[in-house]
Amino acid sequence: RDKWTGCVGSSIRGSMPPFPAIFALAANMNGRYSVSSGGRHDVPFNDDYASRGLEYFDVWSPEIATHYAEVFWTDMGTHPIPPEIVRRFANKTMAIVGYEMDQVMVQPTGKPGVHPEKDVSVPINWAYNHHYETWLLGAAAEMERVSVDPNDVSSHGAATRMVARHRAGAAASPDGAPSSQWFSEGNGGESRKSFHGYPAGFAQLVRSPRAWHTTPMQIDIRNRDCGATPDDVARCSGPHGFTPGPEPRQARYGLAVAGLVPGGPKGGVPGATNYSGLLECPCNGRYGGDPAFYPDGGKGGSRTRVLTHDFKGVAVGACGAA
């Protein structure tokens, strides 16, 4: 879920169609923020969007459903923004002065935006937000998949990537405003409590905004023995109650497997810890494992074991029915 805050005189908040529009001042989605400048912390800065007379609109991504230890790094396509926003800023320029994001469980399942007041934030130690990229597209912009220089490490080895382009043949904005904008600042695990607002006089401009596009990367690190519903948010969580699930031997530089983490047995499940070793994206014995942890190519007992549980599997798209 993303919240865009903007102003051109004023703006409005709306939910994604086909849901009814909601109009409100831009109260912070994630509470108050601590703002830093250079080496100074908690500097005087108005981080309260509502007090500045700003308004916003909400959008929700399609549903993300993952299994434990699965990395979801998937382009989720282009989706419309609220029609009220499209109509209001047709042939006009929107000034975006901030945005916020959250990862939420919605009710009813599979129907985002129907009851936004019932959204429950997904704890960071359930689905770790590694990073995201999001674009806001204007009427003259489109997304295009382009080839990547093999030496471009920012693509993490991928052969292609998505970029926003000004559509061929589309007229340029008469006021020189861009036809798209990209948002990916402070986009890791700290994103929800990182302030994405701009100083007075600064904004990201978009001509005739019409749609948004997102590519998130997040890691499922929730131990299913602890549950995975909104009612389970407080279970196995917190600095002293976190319960990790099974991890590859290479996680934590092998310290848990070697019994060097306090309370950690020799095996794939660490003991006393307040984070998941999966955050490091460790390789297992079947793919890319370091010989230091998987000698002889993972043979001789060092290969990652497959642990089975009795959790129920459901077909893609069946989450609402389940």
Protein backbone atom coordinates (compact mmCIF):
# COMPACT_ATOMS: atom_id res chain seq x y z
CA ARG A 1 0.00 0.00 0.00
CA ASP A 2 1.35 3.42 -0.96
CA LYS A 3 0.17 6.89 -0.05
CA TRP A 4 1.03 9.76 -2.37
CA THR A 5 0.94 13.30 -1.00
CA GLY A 6 0.80 16.17 -3.42
CA CYS A 7 -0.46 19.64 -4.04
CA VAL A 8 -1.36 21.94 -6.87
CA GLY A 9 -3.50 24.31 -4.89
CA SER A 10 -4.87 21.17 -3.22
CA SER A 11 -5.37 17.52 -4.03
CA ILE A 12 -7.61 14.66 -3.01
CA ARG A 13 -7.38 11.17 -1.59
CA GLY A 14 -9.06 8.23 -3.27
CA SER A 15 -8.97 4.46 -3.21
CA MET A 16 -8.33 2.27 -6.21
CA PRO A 17 -11.37 1.47 -8.33
CA PRO A 18 -13.82 -0.18 -8.09
CA PHE A 19 -13.77 0.95 -4.47
CA PRO A 20 -15.50 4.16 -3.32
CA ALA A 21 -13.39 7.29 -3.04
CA ILE A 22 -12.33 8.53 0.39
CA PHE A 23 -11.50 12.17 0.97
CA ALA A 24 -9.33 13.28 3.89
CA LEU A 25 -6.40 15.39 4.95
CA ALA A 26 -3.02 13.70 4.74
CA ALA A 27 -2.61 12.32 8.26
CA ASN A 28 0.64 10.36 8.43
CA MET A 29 0.24 6.69 7.55
CA ASN A 30 3.13 5.55 9.76
CA GLY A 31 3.04 8.09 12.59
CA ARG A 32 5.59 10.78 13.32
CA TYR A 33 9.16 10.71 11.98
CA SER A 34 12.60 11.61 13.31
CA VAL A 35 14.31 13.83 10.73
CA SER A 36 18.09 14.06 10.41
CA SER A 37 20.26 16.54 8.55
CA GLY A 38 23.91 15.75 8.03
CA GLY A 39 25.22 14.46 11.35
CA ARG A 40 22.39 16.01 13.37
CA HIS A 41 19.38 14.00 14.54
CA ASP A 42 15.85 15.08 15.45
CA VAL A 43 16.30 18.43 13.73
CA PRO A 44 13.32 20.82 13.76
CA PHE A 45 11.23 19.92 10.72
CA ASN A 46 7.48 19.67 10.26
CA ASP A 47 6.88 16.01 9.36
CA ASP A 48 3.11 16.21 9.94
CA TYR A 49 1.60 16.28 6.45
CA ALA A 50 -1.89 17.21 7.67
CA SER A 51 -0.69 20.34 9.47
CA ARG A 52 0.70 21.58 6.16
CA GLY A 53 -2.73 21.44 4.53
CA LEU A 54 -1.80 18.59 2.16
CA GLU A 55 -4.05 15.81 0.91
CA TYR A 56 -3.33 12.39 -0.56
CA PHE A 57 -4.63 9.33 -2.32
CA ASP A 58 -4.06 5.63 -1.56
CA VAL A 59 -3.24 2.75 -3.89
CA TRP A 60 -2.86 -0.95 -3.14
CA SER A 61 -0.74 -3.42 -5.08
CA PRO A 62 -2.10 -6.79 -6.20
CA GLU A 63 -1.97 -9.55 -3.59
CA ILE A 64 1.40 -11.02 -2.62
CA ALA A 65 1.30 -14.62 -1.37
CA THR A 66 4.53 -16.45 -0.48
CA HIS A 67 5.89 -19.53 1.29
CA TYR A 68 8.47 -19.48 4.08
CA ALA A 69 11.97 -18.56 2.81
CA GLU A 70 10.59 -17.50 -0.59
CA VAL A 71 11.92 -14.30 -2.17
CA PHE A 72 9.21 -12.31 -3.96
CA TRP A 73 10.98 -10.12 -6.53
CA THR A 74 8.37 -9.70 -9.19
CA ASP A 75 7.18 -6.95 -11.48
CA MET A 76 3.52 -6.41 -10.54
CA GLY A 77 2.46 -4.50 -13.62
CA THR A 78 0.80 -1.14 -14.23
CA HIS A 79 -2.36 -0.20 -12.33
CA PRO A 80 -4.71 2.79 -12.45
CA ILE A 81 -4.69 5.50 -9.83
CA PRO A 82 -8.08 6.80 -8.61
CA PRO A 83 -10.17 8.24 -11.47
CA GLU A 84 -10.81 11.39 -9.44
CA ILE A 85 -7.08 12.12 -9.51
CA VAL A 86 -6.84 11.39 -13.24
CA ARG A 87 -9.71 13.76 -14.04
CA ARG A 88 -8.49 16.51 -11.76
CA PHE A 89 -4.98 16.59 -13.17
CA ALA A 90 -5.73 15.88 -16.82
CA ASN A 91 -3.51 18.25 -18.83
CA LYS A 92 -2.20 19.65 -15.55
CA THR A 93 0.90 19.08 -13.48
CA MET A 94 0.81 17.43 -10.05
CA ALA A 95 3.48 18.34 -7.48
CA ILE A 96 4.28 15.40 -5.20
CA VAL A 97 5.85 16.55 -1.94
CA GLY A 98 6.03 13.21 -0.13
CA TYR A 99 4.93 9.61 0.02
CA GLU A 100 4.57 6.75 2.52
CA MET A 101 4.31 2.98 2.16
CA ASP A 102 3.21 0.01 4.24
CA GLN A 103 2.90 -3.76 3.88
CA VAL A 104 -0.57 -4.80 5.00
CA MET A 105 -2.92 -7.73 5.42
CA VAL A 106 -6.32 -6.66 4.12
CA GLN A 107 -9.82 -7.69 5.06
CA PRO A 108 -11.62 -9.30 3.34
CA THR A 109 -8.65 -11.26 1.98
CA GLY A 110 -7.96 -10.45 -1.66
CA LYS A 111 -10.04 -7.24 -1.63
CA PRO A 112 -7.70 -4.33 -0.90
CA GLY A 113 -9.27 -0.97 -0.21
CA VAL A 114 -12.71 -2.24 0.77
CA HIS A 115 -12.05 -1.66 4.48
CA PRO A 116 -8.76 0.27 4.74
CA GLU A 117 -9.44 0.91 8.42
CA LYS A 118 -9.04 -2.85 8.98
CA ASP A 119 -5.63 -3.09 7.30
CA VAL A 120 -3.07 -4.73 9.62
CA SER A 121 0.60 -3.90 9.11
CA VAL A 122 2.78 -6.93 8.36
CA PRO A 123 5.63 -7.05 10.91
CA ILE A 124 9.09 -6.56 9.45
CA ASN A 125 10.09 -9.98 10.83
CA TRP A 126 7.31 -11.64 8.81
CA ALA A 127 7.94 -10.28 5.32
CA TYR A 128 11.22 -8.39 5.17
CA ASN A 129 11.08 -5.50 2.72
CA HIS A 130 14.46 -5.76 0.99
CA HIS A 131 13.70 -2.98 -1.49
CA TYR A 132 11.16 -1.68 -3.96
CA GLU A 133 10.89 0.42 -7.10
CA THR A 134 7.73 2.35 -7.92
CA TRP A 135 6.84 4.65 -10.80
CA LEU A 136 4.04 7.17 -11.26
CA LEU A 137 3.13 7.42 -14.94
CA GLY A 138 1.55 10.28 -16.80
CA ALA A 139 -0.61 10.10 -19.92
CA ALA A 140 2.48 10.43 -22.14
CA ALA A 141 4.54 7.75 -20.34
CA GLU A 142 4.78 3.98 -20.58
CA MET A 143 6.86 1.19 -19.06
CA GLU A 144 9.42 -0.58 -21.22
CA ARG A 145 11.64 -3.58 -20.59
CA VAL A 146 15.20 -2.84 -21.70
CA SER A 147 18.43 -4.81 -21.88
CA VAL A 148 20.97 -4.30 -19.12
CA ASP A 149 24.74 -3.93 -19.29
CA PRO A 150 26.18 -7.15 -17.79
CA ASN A 151 28.52 -4.97 -15.72
CA ASP A 152 25.64 -3.01 -14.18
CA VAL A 153 25.59 -4.46 -10.66
CA SER A 154 22.41 -2.56 -9.80
CA SER A 155 20.43 -5.12 -11.83
CA HIS A 156 21.75 -8.02 -9.70
CA GLY A 157 22.57 -10.19 -12.69
CA ALA A 158 19.26 -9.77 -14.50
CA ALA A 159 19.41 -9.50 -18.29
CA THR A 160 16.64 -6.87 -18.47
CA ARG A 161 14.93 -4.29 -16.30
CA MET A 162 11.85 -2.06 -16.41
CA VAL A 163 12.12 1.68 -17.03
CA ALA A 164 9.62 4.46 -17.62
CA ARG A 165 9.81 6.14 -21.02
CA HIS A 166 8.14 9.11 -22.66
CA ARG A 167 5.91 7.44 -25.24
CA ALA A 168 7.12 7.78 -28.83
CA GLY A 169 5.16 10.47 -30.64
CA ALA A 170 3.59 11.89 -27.47
CA ALA A 171 3.74 15.66 -27.15
CA ALA A 172 6.01 17.17 -24.53
CA SER A 173 4.47 18.96 -21.56
CA PRO A 174 3.97 22.66 -22.31
CA ASP A 175 5.37 23.56 -18.88
CA GLY A 176 8.32 21.18 -19.19
CA ALA A 177 7.11 18.83 -16.44
CA PRO A 178 8.19 15.15 -16.70
CA SER A 179 5.71 12.52 -17.86
CA SER A 180 6.79 10.07 -15.12
CA GLN A 181 8.56 9.87 -11.76
CA TRP A 182 10.49 7.13 -9.97
CA PHE A 183 10.33 6.48 -6.21
CA SER A 184 12.88 4.24 -4.51
CA GLU A 185 14.53 6.26 -1.74
CA GLY A 186 15.18 4.75 1.69
CA ASN A 187 13.50 1.68 0.27
CA GLY A 188 14.73 -1.15 2.50
CA GLY A 189 13.63 -2.54 5.84
CA GLU A 190 13.71 0.99 7.26
CA SER A 191 11.31 2.39 4.67
CA ARG A 192 8.15 2.62 6.77
CA LYS A 193 9.80 4.88 9.35
CA SER A 194 11.97 6.82 6.88
CA PHE A 195 10.58 10.25 6.12
CA HIS A 196 9.95 10.63 2.40
CA GLY A 197 8.89 14.26 2.52
CA TYR A 198 10.55 17.21 0.83
CA PRO A 199 11.66 20.65 2.05
CA ALA A 200 9.60 23.70 1.17
CA GLY A 201 9.92 24.63 -2.47
CA PHE A 202 10.84 21.10 -3.65
CA ALA A 203 8.59 18.52 -5.32
CA GLN A 204 8.50 15.76 -7.94
CA LEU A 205 6.36 16.86 -10.87
CA VAL A 206 4.22 14.63 -13.08
CA ARG A 207 2.11 15.80 -16.01
CA SER A 208 -1.38 14.22 -16.27
CA PRO A 209 -0.83 11.32 -13.81
CA ARG A 210 -2.79 8.22 -14.80
CA ALA A 211 -1.23 5.01 -13.37
CA TRP A 212 1.41 3.51 -11.13
CA HIS A 213 3.80 0.58 -11.48
CA THR A 214 5.68 -1.31 -8.78
CA THR A 215 8.34 -4.00 -8.41
CA PRO A 216 8.84 -5.06 -4.78
CA MET A 217 11.42 -7.45 -3.38
CA GLN A 218 10.58 -8.98 -0.03
CA ILE A 219 11.63 -12.13 1.83
CA ASP A 220 9.15 -14.38 3.66
CA ILE A 221 10.77 -15.02 7.05
CA ARG A 222 7.71 -15.85 9.15
CA ASN A 223 7.97 -19.13 11.06
CA ARG A 224 4.61 -20.73 10.26
CA ASP A 225 4.62 -22.55 13.60
CA CYS A 226 3.83 -19.11 15.03
CA GLY A 227 0.85 -18.50 12.74
CA ALA A 228 0.42 -16.09 9.86
CA THR A 229 -2.91 -14.28 10.29
CA PRO A 230 -3.72 -10.80 11.61
CA ASP A 231 -4.50 -12.40 14.98
CA ASP A 232 -0.94 -13.75 15.20
CA VAL A 233 0.90 -10.42 14.91
CA ALA A 234 1.98 -10.43 18.56
CA ARG A 235 3.07 -14.09 18.58
CA CYS A 236 6.78 -14.98 18.39
CA SER A 237 7.62 -11.33 17.81
CA GLY A 238 9.52 -8.58 19.58
CA PRO A 239 13.17 -8.39 20.66
CA HIS A 240 12.82 -11.20 23.19
CA GLY A 241 10.09 -13.32 21.66
CA PHE A 242 11.21 -13.73 18.05
CA THR A 243 11.23 -17.34 16.89
CA PRO A 244 13.11 -17.95 13.62
CA GLY A 245 12.34 -20.79 11.27
CA PRO A 246 14.78 -23.23 9.66
CA GLU A 247 17.76 -21.60 7.96
CA PRO A 248 20.46 -22.77 5.52
CA ARG A 249 23.83 -23.63 7.02
CA GLN A 250 25.35 -20.60 5.34
CA ALA A 251 23.08 -18.19 7.26
CA ARG A 252 24.80 -16.15 10.00
CA TYR A 253 28.17 -17.16 8.53
CA GLY A 254 27.56 -20.66 9.85
CA LEU A 255 27.67 -19.59 13.50
CA ALA A 256 24.28 -21.04 14.40
CA VAL A 257 25.09 -24.41 12.84
CA ALA A 258 28.43 -24.47 14.62
CA GLY A 259 26.70 -23.85 17.94
CA LEU A 260 28.40 -20.46 18.37
CA VAL A 261 25.16 -18.52 18.73
CA PRO A 262 24.05 -18.69 22.38
CA GLY A 263 21.36 -21.33 22.63
CA GLY A 264 21.83 -22.35 19.02
CA PRO A 265 21.87 -26.11 18.44
CA LYS A 266 23.91 -27.80 15.73
CA GLY A 267 21.33 -27.83 13.00
CA GLY A 268 19.38 -25.51 10.77
CA VAL A 269 17.41 -23.73 13.51
CA PRO A 270 19.23 -21.09 15.60
CA GLY A 271 18.42 -20.48 19.22
CA ALA A 272 18.43 -17.10 20.99
CA THR A 273 18.25 -14.40 18.31
CA ASN A 274 16.18 -11.37 17.41
CA TYR A 275 16.33 -11.63 13.61
CA SER A 276 16.10 -14.14 10.80
CA GLY A 277 19.26 -15.33 9.06
CA LEU A 278 17.28 -15.34 5.82
CA LEU A 279 17.69 -11.54 5.70
CA GLU A 280 21.18 -12.14 4.34
CA CYS A 281 19.76 -14.09 1.36
CA PRO A 282 22.08 -17.02 2.19
CA CYS A 283 22.68 -19.69 -0.44
CA ASN A 284 21.81 -23.28 0.35
CA GLY A 285 23.59 -26.50 -0.52
CA ARG A 286 21.66 -26.86 -3.78
CA TYR A 287 22.42 -23.45 -5.26
CA GLY A 288 25.49 -21.27 -4.93
CA GLY A 289 26.55 -22.50 -1.50
CA ASP A 290 30.00 -21.55 -0.24
CA PRO A 291 32.33 -24.60 -0.02
CA ALA A 292 33.23 -23.46 3.49
CA PHE A 293 29.72 -24.42 4.57
CA TYR A 294 28.92 -27.07 1.97
CA PRO A 295 32.13 -29.07 1.40
CA ASP A 296 32.30 -31.49 -1.53
CA GLY A 297 29.48 -29.68 -3.27
CA GLY A 298 27.06 -30.34 -0.44
CA LYS A 299 27.73 -34.06 -0.18
CA GLY A 300 28.60 -36.02 2.92
CA GLY A 301 25.79 -34.71 5.10
CA SER A 302 26.42 -30.99 4.64
CA ARG A 303 23.81 -30.52 1.96
CA THR A 304 20.76 -28.48 2.97
CA ARG A 305 18.05 -30.72 4.29
CA VAL A 306 14.41 -30.43 3.26
CA LEU A 307 12.14 -30.09 6.29
CA THR A 308 8.48 -30.91 5.87
CA HIS A 309 5.50 -29.56 7.78
CA ASP A 310 1.81 -30.31 7.60
CA PHE A 311 0.77 -26.87 6.39
CA LYS A 312 -2.01 -26.75 3.83
CA GLY A 313 -1.12 -25.64 0.31
CA VAL A 314 -3.59 -23.70 -1.81
CA ALA A 315 -3.68 -22.96 -5.51
CA VAL A 316 -2.64 -19.57 -6.82
CA GLY A 317 -5.50 -17.10 -6.46
CA ALA A 318 -7.29 -19.25 -3.91
CA CYS A 319 -6.24 -17.33 -0.80
CA GLY A 320 -9.64 -15.71 -0.42
CA ALA A 321 -11.40 -19.08 -0.52
CA ALA A 322 -8.96 -20.64 1.93
